[in-house]
Each structure stands twice: as C-alpha cells, then as structure tokens.
Amino acid sequence: MAEAEKKAPRVINKSGTLKMDDKVAETKQIRDISGKKMDRRNRRDRVKADAGAKEYDDITIAVDRVSRTVAGGRRMRFKALVAIGNHKNKVGIGVAKGNDVTTAVAKATSKAKKSMITFSMNGETICHETRTKVTGADVLMKPAAPGTGIIAGGTVRAIMGLTGVKNLISKSLGSTNKVNIAYAVIDGLRAQVPRNQWTGKKAEATEKPVVKAEAKVAEKVVAKKPAAKVEKAEAKPAVKKATTKKPAAKKPATKKAAPKKEDK
C-alpha cells in the first residue's frame, strides 16, 4: 500500500509547483504581519501591524491643474500646496508638481517636512504684530485675547490649524494667490521674537546678572589698588629722607641774608 502511494501521480499547479498534500497543509502554520497564527480560511481577520501615531499632521490646501506648451502640444500636470505641522510651534509648507494628484501631494509633503520652521509663541497666540509681503501677497497678523479664535481666511486658517496658535486676528491685504499667502504666513511666524527679549520685567531680569558681573569685576580692581599704594608708601620714605637733608644745608644762608636788610 505504501508503495502504491509513492507511485501515485503528483498534482502540479499551473505555476509549476507541486500541490500541497492535506497532511502537509494541516501541519503548516501561516502567520500574519504581526507574527500571530492565521487561518487561511479567514483572511479578512488578519491583524494589521500598527503604524503608530503620526508625528506631524498634514493638510492639502490647494490642487491646481497646470499646463506647459511643448513641441508636441500642451503638457498637463498637477500642482499641490501642502502644509504640515505638529500642533505646537513647528510648521512647514511645500509646493510640488506631478503627473497625477497623488504624486504631486506626496512630493509636496516631503518638501514641507524638509522646510519646517520653529517659531515663538506667547501662550496660545503669537508674540507680536507682523506684516509680511511676498511678491503680491500682503498678510497682517495680530495677537488676540483668549477665546477670540482664529479670525483668518482659508489659507491662513489652514496653516494655523496645524500649529498651537488658537487666538489670532489676520487680514490679507494684497494678492489672493494661495502659494504666496502661505509663504507670507511662514515668514511672519519666522519673524516672531519672544516677549522676554523686548518687553516686560523678564527682560530686566536678564540684564541684572550682567550688571552684577561688572560690579564684581570693579570690586576686584578696587581690592587690588590698596596693595599697590602700600608698596609706593614703603618706597617713598627713603626719598623723603634724602630730600630733608638738603634744606638743612641751606638754612645758614637764609639767616645771613636777614641782617643785611637791617643795615639798610
């Protein structure tokens, strides 16, 4: 019987491989991506590996179709404007073109990651008022009190939504080009200076240690001066002794001159 089984014809699949026997199939263990055992009959129950939380959040602000005239006609492509941020104080934008929308968005996202900036904040708003211009775009941004919210247009609102700024007043005073407005917003955030560097008591506190250091240096200089004076004082008595001897020799001459005046 065993010899008959060995001589039985083998079933070969279309791909050229041998068909798996039932006995082999029962012992073989199939695992999913996470390494857990999986039954081939329930393929939809596979446990997908967790990709993990995203470090940055991104948003596609605009997708435009652009064309370029070449020798064979017009070449149609897509341009994407993408903003990326960590909902704190890091944000970036990217602009890229591709033959389809997916490629353009992927390129713009990678560019935005490379061009991220870190800006200063005052609580949940910006530190001070800024007005930035990029070509025709002119964007004015002002800090706002808590509870104001983000009062801004589409492009500015989309970028600020990816940052930790929750109170802002802004106005676009120039061109409506979304790309130029986005670059103007980034320049305005980059120009933010922390409040403790230009106003308030904190700025005075940072200057005091410098004054104390200067006072310590002055004290050291004053402490050294008396030692030098003592050395000079010790050297001066020897000179005074030499000078006191000379007037003693001149005294008789002055006494002789006095009687001459009486004769007159």
C-alpha atoms as a PDB file:
ATOM      1  CA  MET A   1       0.000   0.000   0.000  1.00  0.00           C
ATOM      2  CA  ALA A   2       2.835   2.331   0.836  1.00  0.00           C
ATOM      3  CA  GLU A   3       4.493   1.564  -2.477  1.00  0.00           C
ATOM      4  CA  ALA A   4       1.244   2.381  -4.300  1.00  0.00           C
ATOM      5  CA  GLU A   5       1.082   5.786  -2.635  1.00  0.00           C
ATOM      6  CA  LYS A   6       4.628   6.559  -3.684  1.00  0.00           C
ATOM      7  CA  LYS A   7       3.883   5.612  -7.278  1.00  0.00           C
ATOM      8  CA  ALA A   8       0.733   7.816  -7.330  1.00  0.00           C
ATOM      9  CA  PRO A   9       0.987  10.697  -9.824  1.00  0.00           C
ATOM     10  CA  ARG A  10       1.812  14.103  -8.324  1.00  0.00           C
ATOM     11  CA  VAL A  11      -0.513  17.010  -8.976  1.00  0.00           C
ATOM     12  CA  ILE A  12       1.329  20.063 -10.301  1.00  0.00           C
ATOM     13  CA  ASN A  13      -0.170  23.568 -10.158  1.00  0.00           C
ATOM     14  CA  LYS A  14      -0.260  25.959 -13.114  1.00  0.00           C
ATOM     15  CA  SER A  15       2.753  27.776 -11.700  1.00  0.00           C
ATOM     16  CA  GLY A  16       4.785  24.563 -11.928  1.00  0.00           C
ATOM     17  CA  THR A  17       4.922  23.807  -8.188  1.00  0.00           C
ATOM     18  CA  LEU A  18       3.707  20.634  -6.527  1.00  0.00           C
ATOM     19  CA  LYS A  19       0.277  20.738  -4.957  1.00  0.00           C
ATOM     20  CA  MET A  20       0.386  20.608  -1.162  1.00  0.00           C
ATOM     21  CA  ASP A  21      -0.928  17.394   0.404  1.00  0.00           C
ATOM     22  CA  ASP A  22      -3.630  17.504   3.060  1.00  0.00           C
ATOM     23  CA  LYS A  23      -1.236  16.182   5.691  1.00  0.00           C
ATOM     24  CA  VAL A  24       1.300  18.919   4.963  1.00  0.00           C
ATOM     25  CA  ALA A  25      -1.405  21.583   4.937  1.00  0.00           C
ATOM     26  CA  GLU A  26      -2.583  20.542   8.396  1.00  0.00           C
ATOM     27  CA  THR A  27       0.888  20.876   9.932  1.00  0.00           C
ATOM     28  CA  LYS A  28       1.864  24.093   8.178  1.00  0.00           C
ATOM     29  CA  GLN A  29       1.347  27.282  10.205  1.00  0.00           C
ATOM     30  CA  ILE A  30       0.567  30.550   8.472  1.00  0.00           C
ATOM     31  CA  ARG A  31       1.278  33.798  10.312  1.00  0.00           C
ATOM     32  CA  ASP A  32       0.105  37.361   9.655  1.00  0.00           C
ATOM     33  CA  ILE A  33       2.137  40.599   9.579  1.00  0.00           C
ATOM     34  CA  SER A  34       2.284  40.855  13.378  1.00  0.00           C
ATOM     35  CA  GLY A  35       3.532  37.229  13.699  1.00  0.00           C
ATOM     36  CA  LYS A  36       0.311  35.703  15.030  1.00  0.00           C
ATOM     37  CA  LYS A  37      -1.044  32.401  13.718  1.00  0.00           C
ATOM     38  CA  MET A  38      -3.608  32.839  10.984  1.00  0.00           C
ATOM     39  CA  ASP A  39      -6.138  30.556   9.376  1.00  0.00           C
ATOM     40  CA  ARG A  40      -6.243  30.868   5.615  1.00  0.00           C
ATOM     41  CA  ARG A  41      -9.994  30.365   5.640  1.00  0.00           C
ATOM     42  CA  ASN A  42     -10.498  33.690   7.472  1.00  0.00           C
ATOM     43  CA  ARG A  43      -8.209  36.014   5.568  1.00  0.00           C
ATOM     44  CA  ARG A  44     -10.259  39.080   6.468  1.00  0.00           C
ATOM     45  CA  ASP A  45      -9.445  38.606  10.150  1.00  0.00           C
ATOM     46  CA  ARG A  46      -5.753  39.320   9.688  1.00  0.00           C
ATOM     47  CA  VAL A  47      -4.303  41.616  12.341  1.00  0.00           C
ATOM     48  CA  LYS A  48      -2.553  44.523  10.666  1.00  0.00           C
ATOM     49  CA  ALA A  49       0.584  45.894  12.266  1.00  0.00           C
ATOM     50  CA  ASP A  50       0.005  49.243  13.990  1.00  0.00           C
ATOM     51  CA  ALA A  51       1.607  52.049  12.023  1.00  0.00           C
ATOM     52  CA  GLY A  52       1.900  54.186  15.194  1.00  0.00           C
ATOM     53  CA  ALA A  53       0.843  57.752  15.863  1.00  0.00           C
ATOM     54  CA  LYS A  54       1.793  60.366  13.287  1.00  0.00           C
ATOM     55  CA  GLU A  55       4.497  62.778  14.327  1.00  0.00           C
ATOM     56  CA  TYR A  56       3.136  65.518  12.051  1.00  0.00           C
ATOM     57  CA  ASP A  57      -0.310  66.231  10.681  1.00  0.00           C
ATOM     58  CA  ASP A  58      -0.712  67.466   7.101  1.00  0.00           C
ATOM     59  CA  ILE A  59      -3.402  69.126   5.026  1.00  0.00           C
ATOM     60  CA  THR A  60      -3.717  69.727   1.290  1.00  0.00           C
ATOM     61  CA  ILE A  61      -4.599  73.403   0.829  1.00  0.00           C
ATOM     62  CA  ALA A  62      -4.941  73.504  -2.957  1.00  0.00           C
ATOM     63  CA  VAL A  63      -4.537  71.312  -6.042  1.00  0.00           C
ATOM     64  CA  ASP A  64      -4.359  73.078  -9.424  1.00  0.00           C
ATOM     65  CA  ARG A  65      -4.031  71.793 -12.961  1.00  0.00           C
ATOM     66  CA  VAL A  66      -1.223  73.477 -14.849  1.00  0.00           C
ATOM     67  CA  SER A  67      -0.050  73.130 -18.433  1.00  0.00           C
ATOM     68  CA  ARG A  68       3.095  73.777 -20.385  1.00  0.00           C
ATOM     69  CA  THR A  69       3.293  74.144 -24.138  1.00  0.00           C
ATOM     70  CA  VAL A  70       5.910  71.917 -25.761  1.00  0.00           C
ATOM     71  CA  ALA A  71       6.703  70.936 -29.338  1.00  0.00           C
ATOM     72  CA  GLY A  72       4.074  68.167 -29.414  1.00  0.00           C
ATOM     73  CA  GLY A  73       1.342  70.260 -27.788  1.00  0.00           C
ATOM     74  CA  ARG A  74       0.330  71.008 -24.213  1.00  0.00           C
ATOM     75  CA  ARG A  75       1.720  69.058 -21.301  1.00  0.00           C
ATOM     76  CA  MET A  76      -0.855  68.823 -18.473  1.00  0.00           C
ATOM     77  CA  ARG A  77       0.298  68.347 -14.878  1.00  0.00           C
ATOM     78  CA  PHE A  78      -0.967  68.948 -11.330  1.00  0.00           C
ATOM     79  CA  LYS A  79       0.402  71.324  -8.687  1.00  0.00           C
ATOM     80  CA  ALA A  80      -0.256  70.719  -4.971  1.00  0.00           C
ATOM     81  CA  LEU A  81       0.164  73.029  -1.968  1.00  0.00           C
ATOM     82  CA  VAL A  82       0.543  71.095   1.303  1.00  0.00           C
ATOM     83  CA  ALA A  83       1.031  72.323   4.887  1.00  0.00           C
ATOM     84  CA  ILE A  84       2.392  70.183   7.716  1.00  0.00           C
ATOM     85  CA  GLY A  85       2.678  70.806  11.477  1.00  0.00           C
ATOM     86  CA  ASN A  86       2.836  69.210  14.926  1.00  0.00           C
ATOM     87  CA  HIS A  87       0.048  71.313  16.553  1.00  0.00           C
ATOM     88  CA  LYS A  88       2.694  73.120  18.638  1.00  0.00           C
ATOM     89  CA  ASN A  89       5.332  75.508  17.304  1.00  0.00           C
ATOM     90  CA  LYS A  90       6.603  73.677  14.227  1.00  0.00           C
ATOM     91  CA  VAL A  91       5.092  74.153  10.772  1.00  0.00           C
ATOM     92  CA  GLY A  92       6.115  73.968   7.128  1.00  0.00           C
ATOM     93  CA  ILE A  93       4.705  74.201   3.614  1.00  0.00           C
ATOM     94  CA  GLY A  94       5.617  72.574   0.325  1.00  0.00           C
ATOM     95  CA  VAL A  95       4.711  73.085  -3.327  1.00  0.00           C
ATOM     96  CA  ALA A  96       5.318  70.401  -5.956  1.00  0.00           C
ATOM     97  CA  LYS A  97       4.105  69.200  -9.351  1.00  0.00           C
ATOM     98  CA  GLY A  98       3.333  65.714 -10.627  1.00  0.00           C
ATOM     99  CA  ASN A  99       1.709  63.844 -13.463  1.00  0.00           C
ATOM    100  CA  ASP A 100      -1.192  62.950 -11.161  1.00  0.00           C
ATOM    101  CA  VAL A 101      -2.653  64.348  -7.942  1.00  0.00           C
ATOM    102  CA  THR A 102      -1.267  61.601  -5.687  1.00  0.00           C
ATOM    103  CA  THR A 103       2.294  62.111  -6.912  1.00  0.00           C
ATOM    104  CA  ALA A 104       2.045  65.894  -6.558  1.00  0.00           C
ATOM    105  CA  VAL A 105       0.726  65.654  -2.972  1.00  0.00           C
ATOM    106  CA  ALA A 106       3.430  63.141  -1.973  1.00  0.00           C
ATOM    107  CA  LYS A 107       6.195  65.366  -3.385  1.00  0.00           C
ATOM    108  CA  ALA A 108       4.776  68.471  -1.695  1.00  0.00           C
ATOM    109  CA  THR A 109       4.555  66.657   1.669  1.00  0.00           C
ATOM    110  CA  SER A 110       8.209  65.595   1.515  1.00  0.00           C
ATOM    111  CA  LYS A 111       9.228  69.167   0.657  1.00  0.00           C
ATOM    112  CA  ALA A 112       7.176  70.529   3.567  1.00  0.00           C
ATOM    113  CA  LYS A 113       8.961  68.189   6.006  1.00  0.00           C
ATOM    114  CA  LYS A 114      12.351  69.444   4.830  1.00  0.00           C
ATOM    115  CA  SER A 115      11.375  73.124   5.128  1.00  0.00           C
ATOM    116  CA  MET A 116       9.783  73.103   8.608  1.00  0.00           C
ATOM    117  CA  ILE A 117      10.415  76.059  10.924  1.00  0.00           C
ATOM    118  CA  THR A 118      10.152  76.570  14.697  1.00  0.00           C
ATOM    119  CA  PHE A 119       8.579  79.853  15.847  1.00  0.00           C
ATOM    120  CA  SER A 120       7.998  81.565  19.207  1.00  0.00           C
ATOM    121  CA  MET A 121       4.575  81.725  20.862  1.00  0.00           C
ATOM    122  CA  ASN A 122       3.011  83.637  23.756  1.00  0.00           C
ATOM    123  CA  GLY A 123       0.625  81.142  25.297  1.00  0.00           C
ATOM    124  CA  GLU A 124      -1.892  80.284  22.584  1.00  0.00           C
ATOM    125  CA  THR A 125      -1.226  83.288  20.357  1.00  0.00           C
ATOM    126  CA  ILE A 126       1.678  84.943  18.575  1.00  0.00           C
ATOM    127  CA  CYS A 127       4.139  87.241  20.371  1.00  0.00           C
ATOM    128  CA  HIS A 128       3.535  90.478  18.465  1.00  0.00           C
ATOM    129  CA  GLU A 129       2.022  92.015  15.350  1.00  0.00           C
ATOM    130  CA  THR A 130       3.645  91.295  11.979  1.00  0.00           C
ATOM    131  CA  ARG A 131       3.036  92.348   8.399  1.00  0.00           C
ATOM    132  CA  THR A 132       4.865  90.380   5.714  1.00  0.00           C
ATOM    133  CA  LYS A 133       4.931  90.698   1.940  1.00  0.00           C
ATOM    134  CA  VAL A 134       5.813  88.015  -0.603  1.00  0.00           C
ATOM    135  CA  THR A 135       5.550  89.282  -4.194  1.00  0.00           C
ATOM    136  CA  GLY A 136       1.898  90.439  -4.400  1.00  0.00           C
ATOM    137  CA  ALA A 137       0.690  88.867  -1.150  1.00  0.00           C
ATOM    138  CA  ASP A 138       0.478  91.096   1.946  1.00  0.00           C
ATOM    139  CA  VAL A 139      -0.576  89.406   5.210  1.00  0.00           C
ATOM    140  CA  LEU A 140      -1.196  91.197   8.541  1.00  0.00           C
ATOM    141  CA  MET A 141      -1.292  89.100  11.729  1.00  0.00           C
ATOM    142  CA  LYS A 142      -2.076  90.328  15.254  1.00  0.00           C
ATOM    143  CA  PRO A 143      -2.154  88.555  18.638  1.00  0.00           C
ATOM    144  CA  ALA A 144      -5.591  88.105  20.185  1.00  0.00           C
ATOM    145  CA  ALA A 145      -7.045  87.586  23.687  1.00  0.00           C
ATOM    146  CA  PRO A 146      -8.006  84.093  24.872  1.00  0.00           C
ATOM    147  CA  GLY A 147     -11.341  82.976  23.442  1.00  0.00           C
ATOM    148  CA  THR A 148     -11.071  85.004  20.246  1.00  0.00           C
ATOM    149  CA  GLY A 149     -10.321  82.048  17.994  1.00  0.00           C
ATOM    150  CA  ILE A 150      -8.636  82.192  14.604  1.00  0.00           C
ATOM    151  CA  ILE A 151     -10.084  85.036  12.537  1.00  0.00           C
ATOM    152  CA  ALA A 152      -8.476  84.402   9.163  1.00  0.00           C
ATOM    153  CA  GLY A 153      -9.067  83.374   5.580  1.00  0.00           C
ATOM    154  CA  GLY A 154      -8.800  79.895   4.103  1.00  0.00           C
ATOM    155  CA  THR A 155      -5.055  79.614   3.589  1.00  0.00           C
ATOM    156  CA  VAL A 156      -4.057  81.289   6.863  1.00  0.00           C
ATOM    157  CA  ARG A 157      -6.658  79.303   8.802  1.00  0.00           C
ATOM    158  CA  ALA A 158      -5.454  76.007   7.319  1.00  0.00           C
ATOM    159  CA  ILE A 159      -1.823  76.689   8.299  1.00  0.00           C
ATOM    160  CA  MET A 160      -2.694  77.949  11.792  1.00  0.00           C
ATOM    161  CA  GLY A 161      -4.848  74.884  12.374  1.00  0.00           C
ATOM    162  CA  LEU A 162      -1.666  72.777  12.292  1.00  0.00           C
ATOM    163  CA  THR A 163       0.058  74.909  14.965  1.00  0.00           C
ATOM    164  CA  GLY A 164      -0.634  75.600  18.642  1.00  0.00           C
ATOM    165  CA  VAL A 165      -1.969  79.100  17.866  1.00  0.00           C
ATOM    166  CA  LYS A 166      -5.656  79.240  18.828  1.00  0.00           C
ATOM    167  CA  ASN A 167      -6.231  83.003  19.067  1.00  0.00           C
ATOM    168  CA  LEU A 168      -5.273  85.176  16.091  1.00  0.00           C
ATOM    169  CA  ILE A 169      -6.540  88.092  14.023  1.00  0.00           C
ATOM    170  CA  SER A 170      -5.296  88.294  10.440  1.00  0.00           C
ATOM    171  CA  LYS A 171      -6.096  90.057   7.192  1.00  0.00           C
ATOM    172  CA  SER A 172      -4.891  89.525   3.642  1.00  0.00           C
ATOM    173  CA  LEU A 173      -4.285  92.962   2.115  1.00  0.00           C
ATOM    174  CA  GLY A 174      -2.846  92.025  -1.270  1.00  0.00           C
ATOM    175  CA  SER A 175      -2.964  89.204  -3.784  1.00  0.00           C
ATOM    176  CA  THR A 176      -5.247  86.193  -3.348  1.00  0.00           C
ATOM    177  CA  ASN A 177      -2.637  83.734  -4.641  1.00  0.00           C
ATOM    178  CA  LYS A 178      -2.666  80.859  -2.134  1.00  0.00           C
ATOM    179  CA  VAL A 179       1.001  79.942  -2.584  1.00  0.00           C
ATOM    180  CA  ASN A 180       2.234  83.496  -1.960  1.00  0.00           C
ATOM    181  CA  ILE A 181      -0.089  83.908   1.040  1.00  0.00           C
ATOM    182  CA  ALA A 182       1.239  80.657   2.525  1.00  0.00           C
ATOM    183  CA  TYR A 183       4.849  81.827   2.156  1.00  0.00           C
ATOM    184  CA  ALA A 184       3.934  85.202   3.703  1.00  0.00           C
ATOM    185  CA  VAL A 185       2.400  83.452   6.732  1.00  0.00           C
ATOM    186  CA  ILE A 186       5.533  81.336   7.208  1.00  0.00           C
ATOM    187  CA  ASP A 187       7.721  84.475   7.033  1.00  0.00           C
ATOM    188  CA  GLY A 188       5.513  86.169   9.641  1.00  0.00           C
ATOM    189  CA  LEU A 189       5.824  83.219  12.030  1.00  0.00           C
ATOM    190  CA  ARG A 190       9.580  83.031  11.480  1.00  0.00           C
ATOM    191  CA  ALA A 191       9.907  86.724  12.413  1.00  0.00           C
ATOM    192  CA  GLN A 192       8.317  86.226  15.856  1.00  0.00           C
ATOM    193  CA  VAL A 193      10.569  87.403  18.733  1.00  0.00           C
ATOM    194  CA  PRO A 194       9.925  86.077  22.282  1.00  0.00           C
ATOM    195  CA  ARG A 195       8.321  88.629  24.595  1.00  0.00           C
ATOM    196  CA  ASN A 196      11.040  88.315  27.247  1.00  0.00           C
ATOM    197  CA  GLN A 197      13.535  89.730  24.746  1.00  0.00           C
ATOM    198  CA  TRP A 198      11.769  93.012  24.052  1.00  0.00           C
ATOM    199  CA  THR A 199       9.290  93.817  26.858  1.00  0.00           C
ATOM    200  CA  GLY A 200       8.287  93.146  30.477  1.00  0.00           C
ATOM    201  CA  LYS A 201      10.136  92.515  33.733  1.00  0.00           C
ATOM    202  CA  LYS A 202      11.720  89.360  32.387  1.00  0.00           C
ATOM    203  CA  ALA A 203      13.860  91.450  30.072  1.00  0.00           C
ATOM    204  CA  GLU A 204      15.161  93.459  33.062  1.00  0.00           C
ATOM    205  CA  ALA A 205      15.860  90.254  34.969  1.00  0.00           C
ATOM    206  CA  THR A 206      18.058  89.027  32.134  1.00  0.00           C
ATOM    207  CA  GLU A 207      20.105  92.252  32.263  1.00  0.00           C
ATOM    208  CA  LYS A 208      20.735  92.228  36.057  1.00  0.00           C
ATOM    209  CA  PRO A 209      23.228  89.343  36.108  1.00  0.00           C
ATOM    210  CA  VAL A 210      25.365  91.272  33.627  1.00  0.00           C
ATOM    211  CA  VAL A 211      25.410  94.325  35.931  1.00  0.00           C
ATOM    212  CA  LYS A 212      26.344  92.156  38.911  1.00  0.00           C
ATOM    213  CA  ALA A 213      29.196  90.627  36.964  1.00  0.00           C
ATOM    214  CA  GLU A 214      30.508  94.102  36.092  1.00  0.00           C
ATOM    215  CA  ALA A 215      30.253  95.156  39.778  1.00  0.00           C
ATOM    216  CA  LYS A 216      32.266  92.103  40.843  1.00  0.00           C
ATOM    217  CA  VAL A 217      34.996  92.968  38.343  1.00  0.00           C
ATOM    218  CA  ALA A 218      35.064  96.559  39.669  1.00  0.00           C
ATOM    219  CA  GLU A 219      35.357  95.288  43.260  1.00  0.00           C
ATOM    220  CA  LYS A 220      38.299  93.117  42.306  1.00  0.00           C
ATOM    221  CA  VAL A 221      40.052  96.089  40.678  1.00  0.00           C
ATOM    222  CA  VAL A 222      39.437  98.256  43.771  1.00  0.00           C
ATOM    223  CA  ALA A 223      40.708  95.496  46.047  1.00  0.00           C
ATOM    224  CA  LYS A 224      43.962  95.344  44.105  1.00  0.00           C
ATOM    225  CA  LYS A 225      44.622  99.126  44.230  1.00  0.00           C
ATOM    226  CA  PRO A 226      45.381  99.449  48.026  1.00  0.00           C
ATOM    227  CA  ALA A 227      48.132  96.845  47.747  1.00  0.00           C
ATOM    228  CA  ALA A 228      49.820  98.953  45.084  1.00  0.00           C
ATOM    229  CA  LYS A 229      49.515 102.091  47.240  1.00  0.00           C
ATOM    230  CA  VAL A 230      51.178 100.347  50.191  1.00  0.00           C
ATOM    231  CA  GLU A 231      54.138  99.406  48.058  1.00  0.00           C
ATOM    232  CA  LYS A 232      54.517 103.018  46.911  1.00  0.00           C
ATOM    233  CA  ALA A 233      54.192 104.264  50.502  1.00  0.00           C
ATOM    234  CA  GLU A 234      57.011 101.967  51.578  1.00  0.00           C
ATOM    235  CA  ALA A 235      59.244 103.277  48.805  1.00  0.00           C
ATOM    236  CA  LYS A 236      58.542 106.998  49.434  1.00  0.00           C
ATOM    237  CA  PRO A 237      60.146 107.421  52.956  1.00  0.00           C
ATOM    238  CA  ALA A 238      63.583 106.668  51.574  1.00  0.00           C
ATOM    239  CA  VAL A 239      63.166 109.506  49.103  1.00  0.00           C
ATOM    240  CA  LYS A 240      61.907 111.903  51.760  1.00  0.00           C
ATOM    241  CA  LYS A 241      64.990 111.329  53.947  1.00  0.00           C
ATOM    242  CA  ALA A 242      67.233 112.324  51.097  1.00  0.00           C
ATOM    243  CA  THR A 243      65.236 115.491  50.428  1.00  0.00           C
ATOM    244  CA  THR A 244      65.135 116.604  54.085  1.00  0.00           C
ATOM    245  CA  LYS A 245      68.928 116.637  54.333  1.00  0.00           C
ATOM    246  CA  LYS A 246      69.324 119.200  51.520  1.00  0.00           C
ATOM    247  CA  PRO A 247      67.261 122.023  53.116  1.00  0.00           C
ATOM    248  CA  ALA A 248      69.333 121.631  56.333  1.00  0.00           C
ATOM    249  CA  ALA A 249      72.453 122.780  54.465  1.00  0.00           C
ATOM    250  CA  LYS A 250      70.663 125.846  53.037  1.00  0.00           C
ATOM    251  CA  LYS A 251      69.404 127.239  56.404  1.00  0.00           C
ATOM    252  CA  PRO A 252      72.594 129.203  57.321  1.00  0.00           C
ATOM    253  CA  ALA A 253      72.448 131.077  54.028  1.00  0.00           C
ATOM    254  CA  THR A 254      68.953 132.380  54.763  1.00  0.00           C
ATOM    255  CA  LYS A 255      69.962 133.566  58.253  1.00  0.00           C
ATOM    256  CA  LYS A 256      72.883 135.616  56.877  1.00  0.00           C
ATOM    257  CA  ALA A 257      70.655 137.417  54.400  1.00  0.00           C
ATOM    258  CA  ALA A 258      68.411 138.809  57.182  1.00  0.00           C
ATOM    259  CA  PRO A 259      70.987 141.130  58.880  1.00  0.00           C
ATOM    260  CA  LYS A 260      71.752 142.873  55.582  1.00  0.00           C
ATOM    261  CA  LYS A 261      68.204 144.173  55.414  1.00  0.00           C
ATOM    262  CA  GLU A 262      68.557 145.758  58.904  1.00  0.00           C
ATOM    263  CA  ASP A 263      71.734 147.722  57.884  1.00  0.00           C
ATOM    264  CA  LYS A 264      69.813 149.361  55.100  1.00  0.00           C
END
